[in-house]
Amino acid sequence: MVRYNLDELDRAIADEAAHGFVKVLTAPGKDKILGVTIVSEHAGDLLAEFVLAMRHGLGLNKILATLHTYPTWSEANKYAAGAWKRAHAPEKLLRWVGRYHTWRRG
C-alpha cells in the first residue's frame, strides 16, 4: 500500500484545494493495482486512470511511465506510482552498484 498526500500537488495548491490523498493497494512485491482510495475534490476524475489500468492489467510502473501534463490533478496518480516505486526500490542491489562504481573510479 502506498499513499500520496495532495498537499504536495502543485495544481491542488494553485486551486487552494491542497488536502486529501491517493492511496493505492498493490499485490505484495508487485505493482499490480488491487484497489484505490482517493479523497479529494477531483476524486472521480483521478479514479478513471486507475480503473483503466486495473481493467487492462497495467501496474503502477505503467502509470509512472505515462506522460501527465503539468500542472494537472492527474499528476497525483503519477506521484502515487512514484512513491510506490521509491518504497520498493531494490536497496541491496543499489548499495552493490554504488560500491561497484566507487571501486571502478579507483
PDB file of N, CA and C in Angstrom:
ATOM      1  N   MET A   1       0.845  -1.171   0.000  1.00  0.00           N
ATOM      2  CA  MET A   1       0.000   0.000   0.000  1.00  0.00           C
ATOM      3  C   MET A   1       0.890   1.234   0.000  1.00  0.00           C
ATOM      4  N   VAL A   2       0.487   2.215  -0.777  1.00  0.00           N
ATOM      5  CA  VAL A   2       1.217   3.478  -0.833  1.00  0.00           C
ATOM      6  C   VAL A   2       0.209   4.621  -0.754  1.00  0.00           C
ATOM      7  N   ARG A   3       0.657   5.724  -0.181  1.00  0.00           N
ATOM      8  CA  ARG A   3      -0.222   6.885  -0.034  1.00  0.00           C
ATOM      9  C   ARG A   3       0.528   8.130  -0.494  1.00  0.00           C
ATOM     10  N   TYR A   4      -0.159   8.952  -1.293  1.00  0.00           N
ATOM     11  CA  TYR A   4       0.388  10.235  -1.725  1.00  0.00           C
ATOM     12  C   TYR A   4      -0.554  11.326  -1.231  1.00  0.00           C
ATOM     13  N   ASN A   5      -0.014  12.264  -0.463  1.00  0.00           N
ATOM     14  CA  ASN A   5      -0.814  13.369   0.070  1.00  0.00           C
ATOM     15  C   ASN A   5      -0.893  14.505  -0.949  1.00  0.00           C
ATOM     16  N   LEU A   6      -2.081  14.989  -1.179  1.00  0.00           N
ATOM     17  CA  LEU A   6      -2.310  16.021  -2.187  1.00  0.00           C
ATOM     18  C   LEU A   6      -1.841  17.409  -1.763  1.00  0.00           C
ATOM     19  N   ASP A   7      -1.387  17.554  -0.536  1.00  0.00           N
ATOM     20  CA  ASP A   7      -0.881  18.864  -0.116  1.00  0.00           C
ATOM     21  C   ASP A   7       0.440  19.199  -0.796  1.00  0.00           C
ATOM     22  N   GLU A   8       1.027  18.231  -1.513  1.00  0.00           N
ATOM     23  CA  GLU A   8       2.271  18.443  -2.259  1.00  0.00           C
ATOM     24  C   GLU A   8       2.028  18.686  -3.750  1.00  0.00           C
ATOM     25  N   LEU A   9       0.805  18.539  -4.208  1.00  0.00           N
ATOM     26  CA  LEU A   9       0.473  18.647  -5.630  1.00  0.00           C
ATOM     27  C   LEU A   9       0.312  20.114  -6.039  1.00  0.00           C
ATOM     28  N   ASP A  10       1.108  20.555  -7.009  1.00  0.00           N
ATOM     29  CA  ASP A  10       1.097  21.963  -7.429  1.00  0.00           C
ATOM     30  C   ASP A  10      -0.291  22.441  -7.841  1.00  0.00           C
ATOM     31  N   ARG A  11      -1.031  21.638  -8.608  1.00  0.00           N
ATOM     32  CA  ARG A  11      -2.353  22.062  -9.066  1.00  0.00           C
ATOM     33  C   ARG A  11      -3.318  22.207  -7.891  1.00  0.00           C
ATOM     34  N   ALA A  12      -3.230  21.318  -6.935  1.00  0.00           N
ATOM     35  CA  ALA A  12      -4.085  21.408  -5.756  1.00  0.00           C
ATOM     36  C   ALA A  12      -3.765  22.676  -4.964  1.00  0.00           C
ATOM     37  N   ILE A  13      -2.488  22.990  -4.883  1.00  0.00           N
ATOM     38  CA  ILE A  13      -2.074  24.214  -4.190  1.00  0.00           C
ATOM     39  C   ILE A  13      -2.610  25.442  -4.928  1.00  0.00           C
ATOM     40  N   ALA A  14      -2.484  25.449  -6.263  1.00  0.00           N
ATOM     41  CA  ALA A  14      -2.964  26.579  -7.070  1.00  0.00           C
ATOM     42  C   ALA A  14      -4.475  26.743  -6.968  1.00  0.00           C
ATOM     43  N   ASP A  15      -5.197  25.623  -6.852  1.00  0.00           N
ATOM     44  CA  ASP A  15      -6.656  25.663  -6.737  1.00  0.00           C
ATOM     45  C   ASP A  15      -7.128  25.863  -5.292  1.00  0.00           C
ATOM     46  N   GLU A  16      -6.186  26.068  -4.384  1.00  0.00           N
ATOM     47  CA  GLU A  16      -6.485  26.203  -2.965  1.00  0.00           C
ATOM     48  C   GLU A  16      -7.314  25.020  -2.456  1.00  0.00           C
ATOM     49  N   ALA A  17      -6.933  23.827  -2.902  1.00  0.00           N
ATOM     50  CA  ALA A  17      -7.615  22.591  -2.515  1.00  0.00           C
ATOM     51  C   ALA A  17      -6.593  21.524  -2.139  1.00  0.00           C
ATOM     52  N   ALA A  18      -5.523  21.946  -1.508  1.00  0.00           N
ATOM     53  CA  ALA A  18      -4.408  21.039  -1.203  1.00  0.00           C
ATOM     54  C   ALA A  18      -4.684  20.228   0.052  1.00  0.00           C
ATOM     55  N   HIS A  19      -5.671  19.367  -0.030  1.00  0.00           N
ATOM     56  CA  HIS A  19      -5.967  18.451   1.056  1.00  0.00           C
ATOM     57  C   HIS A  19      -6.524  17.165   0.444  1.00  0.00           C
ATOM     58  N   GLY A  20      -6.343  16.082   1.121  1.00  0.00           N
ATOM     59  CA  GLY A  20      -6.771  14.784   0.619  1.00  0.00           C
ATOM     60  C   GLY A  20      -5.586  13.911   0.276  1.00  0.00           C
ATOM     61  N   PHE A  21      -5.876  12.757  -0.313  1.00  0.00           N
ATOM     62  CA  PHE A  21      -4.813  11.804  -0.613  1.00  0.00           C
ATOM     63  C   PHE A  21      -5.253  10.805  -1.684  1.00  0.00           C
ATOM     64  N   VAL A  22      -4.247  10.128  -2.238  1.00  0.00           N
ATOM     65  CA  VAL A  22      -4.450   8.991  -3.135  1.00  0.00           C
ATOM     66  C   VAL A  22      -3.770   7.811  -2.455  1.00  0.00           C
ATOM     67  N   LYS A  23      -4.514   6.744  -2.217  1.00  0.00           N
ATOM     68  CA  LYS A  23      -3.965   5.550  -1.585  1.00  0.00           C
ATOM     69  C   LYS A  23      -4.183   4.371  -2.538  1.00  0.00           C
ATOM     70  N   VAL A  24      -3.115   3.624  -2.810  1.00  0.00           N
ATOM     71  CA  VAL A  24      -3.189   2.511  -3.752  1.00  0.00           C
ATOM     72  C   VAL A  24      -2.765   1.225  -3.045  1.00  0.00           C
ATOM     73  N   LEU A  25      -3.601   0.214  -3.144  1.00  0.00           N
ATOM     74  CA  LEU A  25      -3.304  -1.105  -2.598  1.00  0.00           C
ATOM     75  C   LEU A  25      -2.781  -1.975  -3.738  1.00  0.00           C
ATOM     76  N   THR A  26      -1.612  -2.583  -3.526  1.00  0.00           N
ATOM     77  CA  THR A  26      -0.998  -3.424  -4.553  1.00  0.00           C
ATOM     78  C   THR A  26      -0.774  -4.828  -4.021  1.00  0.00           C
ATOM     79  N   ALA A  27      -0.569  -5.752  -4.964  1.00  0.00           N
ATOM     80  CA  ALA A  27      -0.215  -7.115  -4.593  1.00  0.00           C
ATOM     81  C   ALA A  27       1.164  -7.097  -3.945  1.00  0.00           C
ATOM     82  N   PRO A  28       1.404  -7.904  -2.926  1.00  0.00           N
ATOM     83  CA  PRO A  28       2.710  -7.906  -2.253  1.00  0.00           C
ATOM     84  C   PRO A  28       3.869  -8.126  -3.229  1.00  0.00           C
ATOM     85  N   GLY A  29       4.818  -7.180  -3.227  1.00  0.00           N
ATOM     86  CA  GLY A  29       6.007  -7.294  -4.065  1.00  0.00           C
ATOM     87  C   GLY A  29       5.779  -7.035  -5.539  1.00  0.00           C
ATOM     88  N   LYS A  30       4.578  -6.642  -5.923  1.00  0.00           N
ATOM     89  CA  LYS A  30       4.258  -6.392  -7.331  1.00  0.00           C
ATOM     90  C   LYS A  30       3.598  -5.023  -7.473  1.00  0.00           C
ATOM     91  N   ASP A  31       3.566  -4.526  -8.712  1.00  0.00           N
ATOM     92  CA  ASP A  31       2.934  -3.223  -8.941  1.00  0.00           C
ATOM     93  C   ASP A  31       1.473  -3.357  -9.371  1.00  0.00           C
ATOM     94  N   LYS A  32       0.930  -4.575  -9.336  1.00  0.00           N
ATOM     95  CA  LYS A  32      -0.464  -4.809  -9.730  1.00  0.00           C
ATOM     96  C   LYS A  32      -1.405  -4.079  -8.768  1.00  0.00           C
ATOM     97  N   ILE A  33      -2.295  -3.292  -9.323  1.00  0.00           N
ATOM     98  CA  ILE A  33      -3.222  -2.476  -8.544  1.00  0.00           C
ATOM     99  C   ILE A  33      -4.421  -3.330  -8.137  1.00  0.00           C
ATOM    100  N   LEU A  34      -4.641  -3.444  -6.831  1.00  0.00           N
ATOM    101  CA  LEU A  34      -5.783  -4.205  -6.319  1.00  0.00           C
ATOM    102  C   LEU A  34      -6.947  -3.299  -5.946  1.00  0.00           C
ATOM    103  N   GLY A  35      -6.641  -2.076  -5.573  1.00  0.00           N
ATOM    104  CA  GLY A  35      -7.691  -1.144  -5.194  1.00  0.00           C
ATOM    105  C   GLY A  35      -7.124   0.238  -4.978  1.00  0.00           C
ATOM    106  N   VAL A  36      -8.001   1.237  -5.044  1.00  0.00           N
ATOM    107  CA  VAL A  36      -7.577   2.631  -4.906  1.00  0.00           C
ATOM    108  C   VAL A  36      -8.621   3.386  -4.082  1.00  0.00           C
ATOM    109  N   THR A  37      -8.131   4.233  -3.186  1.00  0.00           N
ATOM    110  CA  THR A  37      -8.991   5.158  -2.455  1.00  0.00           C
ATOM    111  C   THR A  37      -8.464   6.559  -2.731  1.00  0.00           C
ATOM    112  N   ILE A  38      -9.356   7.437  -3.174  1.00  0.00           N
ATOM    113  CA  ILE A  38      -8.970   8.823  -3.431  1.00  0.00           C
ATOM    114  C   ILE A  38      -9.924   9.732  -2.667  1.00  0.00           C
ATOM    115  N   VAL A  39      -9.349  10.606  -1.866  1.00  0.00           N
ATOM    116  CA  VAL A  39     -10.125  11.580  -1.108  1.00  0.00           C
ATOM    117  C   VAL A  39      -9.639  12.949  -1.557  1.00  0.00           C
ATOM    118  N   SER A  40     -10.436  13.599  -2.404  1.00  0.00           N
ATOM    119  CA  SER A  40     -10.112  14.943  -2.889  1.00  0.00           C
ATOM    120  C   SER A  40     -11.314  15.491  -3.632  1.00  0.00           C
ATOM    121  N   GLU A  41     -11.214  16.756  -4.003  1.00  0.00           N
ATOM    122  CA  GLU A  41     -12.305  17.385  -4.749  1.00  0.00           C
ATOM    123  C   GLU A  41     -12.483  16.781  -6.140  1.00  0.00           C
ATOM    124  N   HIS A  42     -11.428  16.242  -6.716  1.00  0.00           N
ATOM    125  CA  HIS A  42     -11.477  15.703  -8.076  1.00  0.00           C
ATOM    126  C   HIS A  42     -11.273  14.187  -8.085  1.00  0.00           C
ATOM    127  N   ALA A  43     -11.744  13.531  -7.055  1.00  0.00           N
ATOM    128  CA  ALA A  43     -11.522  12.097  -6.906  1.00  0.00           C
ATOM    129  C   ALA A  43     -12.072  11.298  -8.086  1.00  0.00           C
ATOM    130  N   GLY A  44     -13.245  11.631  -8.554  1.00  0.00           N
ATOM    131  CA  GLY A  44     -13.848  10.906  -9.672  1.00  0.00           C
ATOM    132  C   GLY A  44     -13.014  10.995 -10.942  1.00  0.00           C
ATOM    133  N   ASP A  45     -12.459  12.164 -11.196  1.00  0.00           N
ATOM    134  CA  ASP A  45     -11.619  12.349 -12.380  1.00  0.00           C
ATOM    135  C   ASP A  45     -10.318  11.565 -12.258  1.00  0.00           C
ATOM    136  N   LEU A  46      -9.729  11.549 -11.075  1.00  0.00           N
ATOM    137  CA  LEU A  46      -8.467  10.852 -10.869  1.00  0.00           C
ATOM    138  C   LEU A  46      -8.645   9.334 -10.918  1.00  0.00           C
ATOM    139  N   LEU A  47      -9.773   8.865 -10.473  1.00  0.00           N
ATOM    140  CA  LEU A  47     -10.011   7.425 -10.393  1.00  0.00           C
ATOM    141  C   LEU A  47     -10.035   6.748 -11.759  1.00  0.00           C
ATOM    142  N   ALA A  48     -10.434   7.459 -12.784  1.00  0.00           N
ATOM    143  CA  ALA A  48     -10.578   6.859 -14.123  1.00  0.00           C
ATOM    144  C   ALA A  48      -9.287   6.202 -14.620  1.00  0.00           C
ATOM    145  N   GLU A  49      -8.145   6.820 -14.381  1.00  0.00           N
ATOM    146  CA  GLU A  49      -6.878   6.249 -14.845  1.00  0.00           C
ATOM    147  C   GLU A  49      -6.599   4.912 -14.150  1.00  0.00           C
ATOM    148  N   PHE A  50      -6.895   4.835 -12.866  1.00  0.00           N
ATOM    149  CA  PHE A  50      -6.678   3.591 -12.135  1.00  0.00           C
ATOM    150  C   PHE A  50      -7.651   2.503 -12.589  1.00  0.00           C
ATOM    151  N   VAL A  51      -8.890   2.875 -12.845  1.00  0.00           N
ATOM    152  CA  VAL A  51      -9.874   1.903 -13.335  1.00  0.00           C
ATOM    153  C   VAL A  51      -9.416   1.322 -14.667  1.00  0.00           C
ATOM    154  N   LEU A  52      -8.954   2.174 -15.563  1.00  0.00           N
ATOM    155  CA  LEU A  52      -8.445   1.714 -16.857  1.00  0.00           C
ATOM    156  C   LEU A  52      -7.254   0.779 -16.666  1.00  0.00           C
ATOM    157  N   ALA A  53      -6.330   1.163 -15.793  1.00  0.00           N
ATOM    158  CA  ALA A  53      -5.146   0.328 -15.537  1.00  0.00           C
ATOM    159  C   ALA A  53      -5.546  -1.029 -14.973  1.00  0.00           C
ATOM    160  N   MET A  54      -6.467  -1.050 -14.034  1.00  0.00           N
ATOM    161  CA  MET A  54      -6.901  -2.308 -13.437  1.00  0.00           C
ATOM    162  C   MET A  54      -7.620  -3.177 -14.459  1.00  0.00           C
ATOM    163  N   ARG A  55      -8.438  -2.574 -15.285  1.00  0.00           N
ATOM    164  CA  ARG A  55      -9.210  -3.326 -16.291  1.00  0.00           C
ATOM    165  C   ARG A  55      -8.300  -4.018 -17.296  1.00  0.00           C
ATOM    166  N   HIS A  56      -7.185  -3.385 -17.624  1.00  0.00           N
ATOM    167  CA  HIS A  56      -6.284  -3.921 -18.653  1.00  0.00           C
ATOM    168  C   HIS A  56      -4.990  -4.502 -18.083  1.00  0.00           C
ATOM    169  N   GLY A  57      -4.946  -4.710 -16.776  1.00  0.00           N
ATOM    170  CA  GLY A  57      -3.806  -5.362 -16.151  1.00  0.00           C
ATOM    171  C   GLY A  57      -2.523  -4.546 -16.155  1.00  0.00           C
ATOM    172  N   LEU A  58      -2.652  -3.225 -16.167  1.00  0.00           N
ATOM    173  CA  LEU A  58      -1.477  -2.357 -16.135  1.00  0.00           C
ATOM    174  C   LEU A  58      -1.145  -2.016 -14.687  1.00  0.00           C
ATOM    175  N   GLY A  59       0.122  -2.049 -14.348  1.00  0.00           N
ATOM    176  CA  GLY A  59       0.533  -1.767 -12.979  1.00  0.00           C
ATOM    177  C   GLY A  59       0.983  -0.333 -12.787  1.00  0.00           C
ATOM    178  N   LEU A  60       1.466  -0.060 -11.587  1.00  0.00           N
ATOM    179  CA  LEU A  60       1.911   1.285 -11.246  1.00  0.00           C
ATOM    180  C   LEU A  60       3.117   1.732 -12.071  1.00  0.00           C
ATOM    181  N   ASN A  61       3.954   0.805 -12.493  1.00  0.00           N
ATOM    182  CA  ASN A  61       5.089   1.191 -13.349  1.00  0.00           C
ATOM    183  C   ASN A  61       4.607   1.798 -14.661  1.00  0.00           C
ATOM    184  N   LYS A  62       3.504   1.297 -15.209  1.00  0.00           N
ATOM    185  CA  LYS A  62       2.945   1.855 -16.454  1.00  0.00           C
ATOM    186  C   LYS A  62       2.372   3.246 -16.216  1.00  0.00           C
ATOM    187  N   ILE A  63       1.732   3.446 -15.079  1.00  0.00           N
ATOM    188  CA  ILE A  63       1.210   4.776 -14.762  1.00  0.00           C
ATOM    189  C   ILE A  63       2.370   5.750 -14.579  1.00  0.00           C
ATOM    190  N   LEU A  64       3.414   5.305 -13.913  1.00  0.00           N
ATOM    191  CA  LEU A  64       4.585   6.153 -13.702  1.00  0.00           C
ATOM    192  C   LEU A  64       5.239   6.528 -15.033  1.00  0.00           C
ATOM    193  N   ALA A  65       5.220   5.634 -16.001  1.00  0.00           N
ATOM    194  CA  ALA A  65       5.845   5.882 -17.303  1.00  0.00           C
ATOM    195  C   ALA A  65       4.967   6.705 -18.244  1.00  0.00           C
ATOM    196  N   THR A  66       3.723   6.950 -17.860  1.00  0.00           N
ATOM    197  CA  THR A  66       2.797   7.719 -18.691  1.00  0.00           C
ATOM    198  C   THR A  66       3.025   9.217 -18.504  1.00  0.00           C
ATOM    199  N   LEU A  67       3.021   9.961 -19.605  1.00  0.00           N
ATOM    200  CA  LEU A  67       3.160  11.414 -19.509  1.00  0.00           C
ATOM    201  C   LEU A  67       1.883  12.025 -18.944  1.00  0.00           C
ATOM    202  N   HIS A  68       2.037  12.864 -17.960  1.00  0.00           N
ATOM    203  CA  HIS A  68       0.924  13.598 -17.368  1.00  0.00           C
ATOM    204  C   HIS A  68       1.233  15.083 -17.520  1.00  0.00           C
ATOM    205  N   THR A  69       0.283  15.834 -18.031  1.00  0.00           N
ATOM    206  CA  THR A  69       0.511  17.265 -18.244  1.00  0.00           C
ATOM    207  C   THR A  69       0.647  17.993 -16.907  1.00  0.00           C
ATOM    208  N   TYR A  70       1.346  19.114 -16.954  1.00  0.00           N
ATOM    209  CA  TYR A  70       1.615  19.895 -15.750  1.00  0.00           C
ATOM    210  C   TYR A  70       1.042  21.292 -15.911  1.00  0.00           C
ATOM    211  N   PRO A  71       0.456  21.856 -14.955  1.00  0.00           N
ATOM    212  CA  PRO A  71       0.035  21.279 -13.683  1.00  0.00           C
ATOM    213  C   PRO A  71      -1.404  20.780 -13.784  1.00  0.00           C
ATOM    214  N   THR A  72      -1.618  19.541 -13.515  1.00  0.00           N
ATOM    215  CA  THR A  72      -2.971  18.972 -13.526  1.00  0.00           C
ATOM    216  C   THR A  72      -3.162  18.084 -12.311  1.00  0.00           C
ATOM    217  N   TRP A  73      -4.401  17.797 -12.016  1.00  0.00           N
ATOM    218  CA  TRP A  73      -4.722  16.901 -10.913  1.00  0.00           C
ATOM    219  C   TRP A  73      -4.248  15.479 -11.203  1.00  0.00           C
ATOM    220  N   SER A  74      -4.214  15.102 -12.477  1.00  0.00           N
ATOM    221  CA  SER A  74      -3.834  13.726 -12.820  1.00  0.00           C
ATOM    222  C   SER A  74      -2.394  13.397 -12.432  1.00  0.00           C
ATOM    223  N   GLU A  75      -1.583  14.403 -12.209  1.00  0.00           N
ATOM    224  CA  GLU A  75      -0.218  14.145 -11.750  1.00  0.00           C
ATOM    225  C   GLU A  75      -0.203  13.424 -10.403  1.00  0.00           C
ATOM    226  N   ALA A  76      -1.259  13.551  -9.634  1.00  0.00           N
ATOM    227  CA  ALA A  76      -1.331  12.859  -8.349  1.00  0.00           C
ATOM    228  C   ALA A  76      -1.188  11.351  -8.541  1.00  0.00           C
ATOM    229  N   ASN A  77      -1.757  10.832  -9.626  1.00  0.00           N
ATOM    230  CA  ASN A  77      -1.638   9.398  -9.908  1.00  0.00           C
ATOM    231  C   ASN A  77      -0.192   9.020 -10.185  1.00  0.00           C
ATOM    232  N   LYS A  78       0.485   9.840 -10.972  1.00  0.00           N
ATOM    233  CA  LYS A  78       1.900   9.591 -11.278  1.00  0.00           C
ATOM    234  C   LYS A  78       2.740   9.662 -10.007  1.00  0.00           C
ATOM    235  N   TYR A  79       2.475  10.643  -9.160  1.00  0.00           N
ATOM    236  CA  TYR A  79       3.250  10.795  -7.934  1.00  0.00           C
ATOM    237  C   TYR A  79       2.986   9.638  -6.968  1.00  0.00           C
ATOM    238  N   ALA A  80       1.758   9.129  -6.938  1.00  0.00           N
ATOM    239  CA  ALA A  80       1.465   7.956  -6.111  1.00  0.00           C
ATOM    240  C   ALA A  80       2.247   6.752  -6.622  1.00  0.00           C
ATOM    241  N   ALA A  81       2.306   6.590  -7.941  1.00  0.00           N
ATOM    242  CA  ALA A  81       3.083   5.499  -8.536  1.00  0.00           C
ATOM    243  C   ALA A  81       4.572   5.666  -8.231  1.00  0.00           C
ATOM    244  N   GLY A  82       5.055   6.905  -8.258  1.00  0.00           N
ATOM    245  CA  GLY A  82       6.448   7.175  -7.933  1.00  0.00           C
ATOM    246  C   GLY A  82       6.760   6.864  -6.474  1.00  0.00           C
ATOM    247  N   ALA A  83       5.823   7.156  -5.590  1.00  0.00           N
ATOM    248  CA  ALA A  83       6.008   6.831  -4.169  1.00  0.00           C
ATOM    249  C   ALA A  83       6.092   5.325  -3.983  1.00  0.00           C
ATOM    250  N   TRP A  84       5.274   4.578  -4.721  1.00  0.00           N
ATOM    251  CA  TRP A  84       5.342   3.114  -4.667  1.00  0.00           C
ATOM    252  C   TRP A  84       6.709   2.631  -5.157  1.00  0.00           C
ATOM    253  N   LYS A  85       7.180   3.204  -6.252  1.00  0.00           N
ATOM    254  CA  LYS A  85       8.464   2.801  -6.826  1.00  0.00           C
ATOM    255  C   LYS A  85       9.605   3.050  -5.829  1.00  0.00           C
ATOM    256  N   ARG A  86       9.610   4.217  -5.194  1.00  0.00           N
ATOM    257  CA  ARG A  86      10.646   4.519  -4.207  1.00  0.00           C
ATOM    258  C   ARG A  86      10.579   3.573  -3.012  1.00  0.00           C
ATOM    259  N   ALA A  87       9.369   3.219  -2.597  1.00  0.00           N
ATOM    260  CA  ALA A  87       9.205   2.320  -1.453  1.00  0.00           C
ATOM    261  C   ALA A  87       9.639   0.890  -1.776  1.00  0.00           C
ATOM    262  N   HIS A  88       9.665   0.547  -3.053  1.00  0.00           N
ATOM    263  CA  HIS A  88      10.025  -0.808  -3.470  1.00  0.00           C
ATOM    264  C   HIS A  88      11.346  -0.862  -4.231  1.00  0.00           C
ATOM    265  N   ALA A  89      12.184   0.138  -4.019  1.00  0.00           N
ATOM    266  CA  ALA A  89      13.498   0.156  -4.671  1.00  0.00           C
ATOM    267  C   ALA A  89      14.345  -0.989  -4.120  1.00  0.00           C
ATOM    268  N   PRO A  90      15.110  -1.653  -4.978  1.00  0.00           N
ATOM    269  CA  PRO A  90      15.955  -2.776  -4.532  1.00  0.00           C
ATOM    270  C   PRO A  90      17.192  -2.255  -3.797  1.00  0.00           C
ATOM    271  N   GLU A  91      17.061  -1.963  -2.516  1.00  0.00           N
ATOM    272  CA  GLU A  91      18.128  -1.325  -1.731  1.00  0.00           C
ATOM    273  C   GLU A  91      19.432  -2.110  -1.762  1.00  0.00           C
ATOM    274  N   LYS A  92      19.360  -3.427  -1.627  1.00  0.00           N
ATOM    275  CA  LYS A  92      20.573  -4.246  -1.623  1.00  0.00           C
ATOM    276  C   LYS A  92      21.315  -4.118  -2.950  1.00  0.00           C
ATOM    277  N   LEU A  93      20.580  -4.177  -4.052  1.00  0.00           N
ATOM    278  CA  LEU A  93      21.186  -4.032  -5.378  1.00  0.00           C
ATOM    279  C   LEU A  93      21.768  -2.633  -5.567  1.00  0.00           C
ATOM    280  N   LEU A  94      21.043  -1.611  -5.126  1.00  0.00           N
ATOM    281  CA  LEU A  94      21.531  -0.238  -5.266  1.00  0.00           C
ATOM    282  C   LEU A  94      22.817  -0.018  -4.475  1.00  0.00           C
ATOM    283  N   ARG A  95      22.909  -0.598  -3.266  1.00  0.00           N
ATOM    284  CA  ARG A  95      24.151  -0.486  -2.494  1.00  0.00           C
ATOM    285  C   ARG A  95      25.299  -1.172  -3.216  1.00  0.00           C
ATOM    286  N   TRP A  96      25.040  -2.354  -3.782  1.00  0.00           N
ATOM    287  CA  TRP A  96      26.078  -3.096  -4.506  1.00  0.00           C
ATOM    288  C   TRP A  96      26.565  -2.307  -5.720  1.00  0.00           C
ATOM    289  N   VAL A  97      25.644  -1.748  -6.482  1.00  0.00           N
ATOM    290  CA  VAL A  97      26.004  -0.950  -7.660  1.00  0.00           C
ATOM    291  C   VAL A  97      26.802   0.277  -7.232  1.00  0.00           C
ATOM    292  N   GLY A  98      26.427   0.910  -6.132  1.00  0.00           N
ATOM    293  CA  GLY A  98      27.177   2.055  -5.623  1.00  0.00           C
ATOM    294  C   GLY A  98      28.605   1.681  -5.264  1.00  0.00           C
ATOM    295  N   ARG A  99      28.773   0.555  -4.589  1.00  0.00           N
ATOM    296  CA  ARG A  99      30.130   0.101  -4.246  1.00  0.00           C
ATOM    297  C   ARG A  99      30.922  -0.224  -5.502  1.00  0.00           C
ATOM    298  N   TYR A 100      30.280  -0.825  -6.500  1.00  0.00           N
ATOM    299  CA  TYR A 100      30.953  -1.161  -7.744  1.00  0.00           C
ATOM    300  C   TYR A 100      31.460   0.106  -8.439  1.00  0.00           C
ATOM    301  N   HIS A 101      30.615   1.123  -8.541  1.00  0.00           N
ATOM    302  CA  HIS A 101      31.033   2.364  -9.212  1.00  0.00           C
ATOM    303  C   HIS A 101      32.124   3.095  -8.433  1.00  0.00           C
ATOM    304  N   THR A 102      32.067   3.030  -7.116  1.00  0.00           N
ATOM    305  CA  THR A 102      33.124   3.621  -6.297  1.00  0.00           C
ATOM    306  C   THR A 102      34.448   2.893  -6.562  1.00  0.00           C
ATOM    307  N   TRP A 103      34.396   1.568  -6.644  1.00  0.00           N
ATOM    308  CA  TRP A 103      35.581   0.764  -6.915  1.00  0.00           C
ATOM    309  C   TRP A 103      36.141   1.069  -8.309  1.00  0.00           C
ATOM    310  N   ARG A 104      35.265   1.230  -9.311  1.00  0.00           N
ATOM    311  CA  ARG A 104      35.693   1.484 -10.690  1.00  0.00           C
ATOM    312  C   ARG A 104      36.391   2.836 -10.828  1.00  0.00           C
ATOM    313  N   ARG A 105      35.970   3.819 -10.040  1.00  0.00           N
ATOM    314  CA  ARG A 105      36.580   5.147 -10.106  1.00  0.00           C
ATOM    315  C   ARG A 105      37.974   5.155  -9.483  1.00  0.00           C
ATOM    316  N   GLY A 106      38.238   4.124  -8.705  1.00  0.00           N
ATOM    317  CA  GLY A 106      39.567   3.918  -8.206  1.00  0.00           C
ATOM    318  C   GLY A 106      39.949   4.617  -7.017  1.00  0.00           C
TER     319      GLY A 106
END
